[in-house]
Amino acid sequence: MPRILITGSAGFIGFHLARRLLADGFTVCGLDGMTEYYDITLKQHRHKILAEDAEFQGHEVMLEDADSVMTLARNFLPDVIVHLAAQAGVRYSLENPRAYVDSNVTGTFNVMEAARELKVNHLLMASTSSVYGANTEMPYAETHKADSPMTIYAATKKATEAMGHAYAHLHNMPTTMFRFFTVYGPWGRPDMAYFKFVDAILKDRPIDIYNHGDMQRDFTYIDDLVTGIRLLIDAIPETPEARNAAVPGDSLSPVAPFRIVNIGNSEPVRLLAFVEAIEAALGKAAIRNMMDMQPGDVPATWANADLLRALTGYAPATDVATGIGKFVEWYRDYYKI
């Protein structure tokens, strides 16, 4: 089985992906900076669970430390790199934009350099639906223009897509970029709205609902996302000279083994309906604090996941009521509530 290096392995998505790959028999090396953007105890607990598997090795390394990233990669010699580590969060990017440039741009460059030197079979890197920015043509397709990012977070992710394409072209390095759509589920990030909502409702605090609830998001359950990534690991983009059949709607570059793929539920949900699903799972009503739109926010996201289905035969389908129910069950167990 291939050896897989995952950056951000103590993060929400990285943890779930590592656990899935270990269950499938892969050898996994995890890299994580353990930054204090949110509760580091949660990150440490995730890594502790992964470390129970003999085929996992975890390392605390900052992406910005080029020498350490390269040394770790040389020692492990991965066949595949899945780069998930990043400074996340749309709203935090308004407060600390430099963290996004350092981690998302410089850190991604260091990962790409390791992939180039080691000539990995496939480099897969996380982007975000936020790159679609001010685009109002929906559902979002990978071939749509994404030239109007509305936050520095989105801008850094768009930059990594461009960098990835350049490396794929210059070094003939098969590269897949994922665009994630509002991922949620057990072991999630405490800075995400659904996590904050559950915490606030249980503690009788009001929840902030932006744009007075007039928003929609394409919520994607974590297990669905991980399945999509797992299948895309095997969907290696072909070099231009090796192609013999076109995939409808493909984002494959004409000059490089490079592709962008949306991973989303393809079913936008009203924010207030999402809140109602949380209230139903908790059996308790929220105290709603209606607020204006936050800078950088967009009123809606909606994924066209046809390319994911064409490449893998798979499409996410977990409904919000089921997914939120699983998150609440985990939350109550983890925090003993």
Protein backbone atom coordinates (compact mmCIF):
# COMPACT_ATOMS: atom_id res chain seq x y z
CA MET A 1 0.00 0.00 0.00
CA PRO A 2 1.23 3.55 -0.71
CA ARG A 3 2.84 5.59 2.03
CA ILE A 4 0.89 8.80 2.59
CA LEU A 5 2.04 12.02 4.22
CA ILE A 6 -0.81 14.17 5.59
CA THR A 7 -0.22 17.74 6.68
CA GLY A 8 -2.66 19.00 9.30
CA SER A 9 -3.16 15.51 10.69
CA ALA A 10 -4.26 16.82 14.10
CA GLY A 11 -6.82 19.06 12.42
CA PHE A 12 -10.47 18.24 11.90
CA ILE A 13 -10.26 16.97 8.32
CA GLY A 14 -6.72 15.61 8.56
CA PHE A 15 -7.61 13.50 11.60
CA HIS A 16 -10.62 11.92 9.90
CA LEU A 17 -8.68 11.28 6.69
CA ALA A 18 -5.76 9.71 8.55
CA ARG A 19 -8.13 7.45 10.48
CA ARG A 20 -9.81 6.37 7.23
CA LEU A 21 -6.52 5.66 5.46
CA LEU A 22 -5.16 3.69 8.42
CA ALA A 23 -8.35 1.62 8.45
CA ASP A 24 -7.78 0.96 4.74
CA GLY A 25 -4.28 -0.38 5.44
CA PHE A 26 -2.10 2.59 4.47
CA THR A 27 1.01 3.71 6.31
CA VAL A 28 0.47 7.34 7.34
CA CYS A 29 2.86 10.05 8.48
CA GLY A 30 1.13 13.04 10.04
CA LEU A 31 2.53 16.55 10.29
CA ASP A 32 0.86 19.28 12.36
CA GLY A 33 2.01 22.60 13.82
CA MET A 34 -0.33 22.34 16.83
CA THR A 35 -0.99 26.07 16.66
CA GLU A 36 -3.20 27.68 19.29
CA TYR A 37 -5.79 29.09 16.87
CA TYR A 38 -8.24 26.88 18.76
CA ASP A 39 -8.10 24.45 21.70
CA ILE A 40 -4.82 22.58 21.32
CA THR A 41 -6.10 19.85 23.67
CA LEU A 42 -8.56 18.81 20.99
CA LYS A 43 -5.71 18.51 18.47
CA GLN A 44 -3.58 16.51 20.89
CA HIS A 45 -6.48 14.15 21.57
CA ARG A 46 -6.94 13.54 17.83
CA HIS A 47 -3.24 12.69 17.40
CA LYS A 48 -3.34 10.43 20.45
CA ILE A 49 -6.14 8.40 18.87
CA LEU A 50 -4.20 8.10 15.60
CA ALA A 51 -1.05 7.05 17.47
CA GLU A 52 -2.85 3.93 18.71
CA ASP A 53 -2.30 2.52 15.21
CA ALA A 54 1.20 1.15 14.64
CA GLU A 55 1.10 2.36 11.02
CA PHE A 56 0.84 6.01 12.09
CA GLN A 57 3.63 8.36 13.04
CA GLY A 58 2.89 11.92 14.12
CA HIS A 59 5.22 14.92 14.11
CA GLU A 60 4.87 18.47 15.39
CA VAL A 61 6.28 20.67 12.64
CA MET A 62 5.37 24.15 11.43
CA LEU A 63 4.81 24.39 7.69
CA GLU A 64 6.82 27.61 7.57
CA ASP A 65 9.92 25.68 8.73
CA ALA A 66 11.18 24.60 5.31
CA ASP A 67 14.12 22.55 6.60
CA SER A 68 12.00 20.55 9.03
CA VAL A 69 9.29 19.89 6.44
CA MET A 70 11.89 18.67 3.95
CA THR A 71 13.71 16.52 6.51
CA LEU A 72 10.50 14.85 7.62
CA ALA A 73 9.48 14.14 4.03
CA ARG A 74 12.93 12.73 3.14
CA ASN A 75 12.85 10.44 6.15
CA PHE A 76 9.35 9.13 5.44
CA LEU A 77 9.58 8.98 1.61
CA PRO A 78 5.84 9.25 0.85
CA ASP A 79 4.27 8.03 -2.37
CA VAL A 80 1.43 10.53 -1.95
CA ILE A 81 1.15 13.84 -0.09
CA VAL A 82 -2.24 15.18 1.04
CA HIS A 83 -1.73 18.79 2.10
CA LEU A 84 -4.56 19.89 4.39
CA ALA A 85 -2.73 22.08 6.92
CA ALA A 86 -3.58 25.76 6.71
CA GLN A 87 -4.55 28.77 8.71
CA ALA A 88 -8.31 28.43 8.43
CA GLY A 89 -11.23 30.70 9.18
CA VAL A 90 -12.74 33.46 7.07
CA ARG A 91 -13.42 35.85 9.94
CA TYR A 92 -10.04 35.45 11.67
CA SER A 93 -8.37 36.49 8.42
CA LEU A 94 -9.75 39.98 9.04
CA GLU A 95 -7.84 40.16 12.33
CA ASN A 96 -4.56 38.42 11.50
CA PRO A 97 -3.96 38.35 7.73
CA ARG A 98 -0.22 37.72 8.03
CA ALA A 99 -0.84 34.28 9.56
CA TYR A 100 -2.61 33.29 6.34
CA VAL A 101 0.25 34.37 4.08
CA ASP A 102 2.84 32.64 6.27
CA SER A 103 0.99 29.34 6.63
CA ASN A 104 -1.05 29.07 3.45
CA VAL A 105 1.37 30.52 0.90
CA THR A 106 4.86 29.97 2.35
CA GLY A 107 3.87 26.71 4.02
CA THR A 108 2.28 25.35 0.84
CA PHE A 109 5.39 26.28 -1.13
CA ASN A 110 7.50 24.22 1.29
CA VAL A 111 5.19 21.22 0.86
CA MET A 112 5.34 21.54 -2.94
CA GLU A 113 9.13 21.69 -2.81
CA ALA A 114 9.18 18.42 -0.85
CA ALA A 115 6.79 16.83 -3.36
CA ARG A 116 8.98 18.02 -6.24
CA GLU A 117 12.22 16.71 -4.77
CA LEU A 118 10.73 13.34 -3.84
CA LYS A 119 8.83 13.00 -7.13
CA VAL A 120 5.65 11.82 -5.40
CA ASN A 121 3.06 9.98 -7.46
CA HIS A 122 0.29 12.42 -6.54
CA LEU A 123 0.11 15.70 -4.64
CA LEU A 124 -3.36 16.58 -3.34
CA MET A 125 -3.98 19.97 -1.73
CA ALA A 126 -6.93 21.60 -0.01
CA SER A 127 -8.51 24.76 -1.32
CA THR A 128 -11.92 26.19 -0.45
CA SER A 129 -15.26 27.23 -1.86
CA SER A 130 -14.35 30.73 -0.67
CA VAL A 131 -12.23 31.18 -3.81
CA TYR A 132 -15.45 31.60 -5.80
CA GLY A 133 -15.79 34.92 -3.97
CA ALA A 134 -18.14 37.38 -5.62
CA ASN A 135 -19.14 34.90 -8.33
CA THR A 136 -22.93 34.60 -8.30
CA GLU A 137 -23.24 31.91 -11.00
CA MET A 138 -24.43 28.81 -9.16
CA PRO A 139 -23.98 25.98 -8.60
CA TYR A 140 -20.25 26.69 -8.57
CA ALA A 141 -18.35 24.61 -11.14
CA GLU A 142 -14.60 24.11 -11.19
CA THR A 143 -14.42 25.73 -14.63
CA HIS A 144 -16.06 28.96 -13.43
CA LYS A 145 -13.85 32.00 -12.94
CA ALA A 146 -12.66 32.46 -9.38
CA ASP A 147 -10.91 35.80 -9.71
CA SER A 148 -12.73 37.86 -7.08
CA PRO A 149 -11.79 36.58 -3.60
CA MET A 150 -13.38 38.57 -0.79
CA THR A 151 -10.99 37.75 2.07
CA ILE A 152 -7.25 37.28 2.44
CA TYR A 153 -8.02 33.66 3.39
CA ALA A 154 -9.66 33.06 0.02
CA ALA A 155 -6.89 34.97 -1.74
CA THR A 156 -4.17 32.80 -0.21
CA LYS A 157 -6.04 29.65 -1.19
CA LYS A 158 -6.44 30.92 -4.75
CA ALA A 159 -2.70 31.63 -4.73
CA THR A 160 -1.95 28.03 -3.77
CA GLU A 161 -4.08 26.81 -6.68
CA ALA A 162 -2.01 28.94 -9.06
CA MET A 163 1.23 27.77 -7.46
CA GLY A 164 0.11 24.16 -7.71
CA HIS A 165 -0.65 24.54 -11.40
CA ALA A 166 2.76 26.09 -12.05
CA TYR A 167 4.57 23.24 -10.29
CA ALA A 168 2.46 20.61 -12.04
CA HIS A 169 3.41 22.17 -15.37
CA LEU A 170 7.08 22.83 -14.66
CA HIS A 171 7.83 19.53 -12.92
CA ASN A 172 5.24 17.22 -14.50
CA MET A 173 3.88 16.61 -10.99
CA PRO A 174 0.32 15.16 -10.85
CA THR A 175 -1.65 17.55 -8.64
CA THR A 176 -5.27 17.65 -7.50
CA MET A 177 -6.77 20.63 -5.66
CA PHE A 178 -9.96 20.13 -3.63
CA ARG A 179 -12.44 22.93 -3.06
CA PHE A 180 -14.24 22.12 0.21
CA PHE A 181 -17.75 23.36 1.03
CA THR A 182 -18.53 24.07 4.72
CA VAL A 183 -17.41 20.82 6.30
CA TYR A 184 -18.95 19.78 9.63
CA GLY A 185 -19.17 16.78 11.91
CA PRO A 186 -17.72 15.08 15.02
CA TRP A 187 -14.29 16.28 16.17
CA GLY A 188 -14.97 19.55 14.33
CA ARG A 189 -13.33 22.95 14.76
CA PRO A 190 -14.58 25.04 17.72
CA ASP A 191 -14.41 28.21 15.59
CA MET A 192 -17.06 26.93 13.19
CA ALA A 193 -20.60 28.28 13.53
CA TYR A 194 -22.32 24.96 14.24
CA PHE A 195 -19.85 24.20 17.06
CA LYS A 196 -20.40 27.64 18.57
CA PHE A 197 -24.17 27.30 18.20
CA VAL A 198 -24.32 24.00 20.07
CA ASP A 199 -22.09 25.32 22.84
CA ALA A 200 -24.09 28.54 23.21
CA ILE A 201 -27.53 26.91 23.14
CA LEU A 202 -26.56 24.38 25.81
CA LYS A 203 -25.24 27.23 27.98
CA ASP A 204 -28.26 29.51 27.41
CA ARG A 205 -26.23 32.10 25.51
CA PRO A 206 -27.51 33.82 22.36
CA ILE A 207 -26.18 32.78 18.96
CA ASP A 208 -25.15 35.34 16.34
CA ILE A 209 -27.00 34.85 13.06
CA TYR A 210 -25.48 36.94 10.30
CA ASN A 211 -27.37 38.70 7.52
CA HIS A 212 -30.48 38.14 9.64
CA GLY A 213 -30.45 34.48 8.58
CA ASP A 214 -30.72 35.26 4.87
CA MET A 215 -27.83 32.96 3.92
CA GLN A 216 -27.36 29.52 2.41
CA ARG A 217 -24.47 27.10 2.71
CA ASP A 218 -23.66 23.80 1.02
CA PHE A 219 -22.93 21.83 4.20
CA THR A 220 -20.74 18.75 3.67
CA TYR A 221 -20.56 16.00 6.30
CA ILE A 222 -17.01 14.98 7.23
CA ASP A 223 -17.34 11.28 6.34
CA ASP A 224 -18.58 12.21 2.87
CA LEU A 225 -15.68 14.59 2.37
CA VAL A 226 -13.13 12.01 3.47
CA THR A 227 -14.59 9.42 1.11
CA GLY A 228 -14.23 11.91 -1.72
CA ILE A 229 -10.58 12.56 -0.87
CA ARG A 230 -9.86 8.85 -0.49
CA LEU A 231 -11.23 8.12 -3.96
CA LEU A 232 -9.46 11.08 -5.56
CA ILE A 233 -6.10 9.80 -4.33
CA ASP A 234 -6.45 7.13 -7.02
CA ALA A 235 -7.76 9.57 -9.67
CA ILE A 236 -4.34 10.80 -10.74
CA PRO A 237 -4.43 13.61 -13.34
CA GLU A 238 -2.80 12.55 -16.59
CA THR A 239 -0.11 14.45 -18.42
CA PRO A 240 -1.31 16.18 -21.62
CA GLU A 241 0.46 13.67 -23.87
CA ALA A 242 -1.06 10.66 -22.05
CA ARG A 243 -4.72 11.66 -22.35
CA ASN A 244 -7.02 9.69 -24.58
CA ALA A 245 -10.54 10.43 -23.32
CA ALA A 246 -12.21 13.57 -22.03
CA VAL A 247 -14.31 13.68 -18.87
CA PRO A 248 -17.38 15.95 -19.26
CA GLY A 249 -16.91 19.20 -17.37
CA ASP A 250 -13.33 18.35 -16.46
CA SER A 251 -11.10 21.07 -15.01
CA LEU A 252 -7.97 19.25 -16.19
CA SER A 253 -5.33 21.73 -17.32
CA PRO A 254 -4.43 21.70 -21.03
CA VAL A 255 -0.72 22.05 -20.17
CA ALA A 256 -0.26 20.13 -16.91
CA PRO A 257 -1.37 17.06 -14.93
CA PHE A 258 -3.44 19.37 -12.73
CA ARG A 259 -7.10 19.32 -11.77
CA ILE A 260 -9.47 21.16 -9.40
CA VAL A 261 -12.39 19.23 -7.86
CA ASN A 262 -15.31 20.47 -5.78
CA ILE A 263 -16.30 18.31 -2.81
CA GLY A 264 -19.73 19.38 -1.61
CA ASN A 265 -23.23 18.10 -0.97
CA SER A 266 -24.71 19.97 -3.95
CA GLU A 267 -27.67 20.98 -1.80
CA PRO A 268 -27.58 24.46 -0.26
CA VAL A 269 -29.35 24.74 3.08
CA ARG A 270 -30.83 27.92 4.55
CA LEU A 271 -28.94 29.09 7.63
CA LEU A 272 -32.15 29.18 9.67
CA ALA A 273 -32.96 25.61 8.63
CA PHE A 274 -29.48 24.63 9.81
CA VAL A 275 -30.15 26.31 13.16
CA GLU A 276 -33.47 24.47 13.38
CA ALA A 277 -31.67 21.15 12.80
CA ILE A 278 -29.35 21.96 15.70
CA GLU A 279 -32.30 22.90 17.92
CA ALA A 280 -34.04 19.64 17.05
CA ALA A 281 -30.93 17.57 17.82
CA LEU A 282 -30.48 19.35 21.15
CA GLY A 283 -34.16 19.44 22.03
CA LYS A 284 -33.71 23.07 22.95
CA ALA A 285 -34.43 26.39 21.24
CA ALA A 286 -31.74 28.95 20.50
CA ILE A 287 -31.74 32.56 21.63
CA ARG A 288 -31.25 34.25 18.26
CA ASN A 289 -29.25 37.44 17.88
CA MET A 290 -29.86 38.67 14.35
CA MET A 291 -26.92 40.60 12.90
CA ASP A 292 -25.83 42.28 9.68
CA MET A 293 -23.57 40.53 7.17
CA GLN A 294 -19.92 40.21 8.20
CA PRO A 295 -17.23 41.68 5.92
CA GLY A 296 -15.98 39.00 3.53
CA ASP A 297 -19.02 36.76 3.89
CA VAL A 298 -21.04 35.66 0.88
CA PRO A 299 -24.81 35.09 0.93
CA ALA A 300 -24.68 31.58 -0.55
CA THR A 301 -22.48 28.66 -1.62
CA TRP A 302 -23.53 25.74 -3.78
CA ALA A 303 -21.27 23.04 -5.21
CA ASN A 304 -21.59 21.41 -8.57
CA ALA A 305 -20.14 17.98 -7.70
CA ASP A 306 -20.57 16.43 -11.15
CA LEU A 307 -16.82 16.17 -11.71
CA LEU A 308 -16.27 14.32 -8.43
CA ARG A 309 -18.99 11.87 -9.45
CA ALA A 310 -17.54 11.45 -12.95
CA LEU A 311 -14.05 10.74 -11.61
CA THR A 312 -14.97 8.51 -8.68
CA GLY A 313 -18.59 7.41 -9.06
CA TYR A 314 -19.27 9.00 -5.67
CA ALA A 315 -21.26 12.01 -4.48
CA PRO A 316 -21.76 13.26 -0.90
CA ALA A 317 -25.34 12.79 0.29
CA THR A 318 -25.59 13.01 4.10
CA ASP A 319 -28.48 15.30 5.04
CA VAL A 320 -28.05 18.03 7.63
CA ALA A 321 -30.38 16.46 10.22
CA THR A 322 -28.36 13.23 10.20
CA GLY A 323 -24.99 14.96 10.23
CA ILE A 324 -25.87 17.42 12.98
CA GLY A 325 -27.34 14.60 15.02
CA LYS A 326 -24.00 12.78 14.89
CA PHE A 327 -22.11 15.93 15.82
CA VAL A 328 -24.34 16.61 18.83
CA GLU A 329 -23.95 13.00 19.96
CA TRP A 330 -20.16 13.37 19.79
CA TYR A 331 -20.23 16.79 21.49
CA ARG A 332 -22.24 15.52 24.44
CA ASP A 333 -19.93 12.54 24.85
CA TYR A 334 -16.67 14.48 24.47
CA TYR A 335 -17.64 17.29 26.85
CA LYS A 336 -19.62 15.03 29.19
CA ILE A 337 -22.85 17.01 28.82
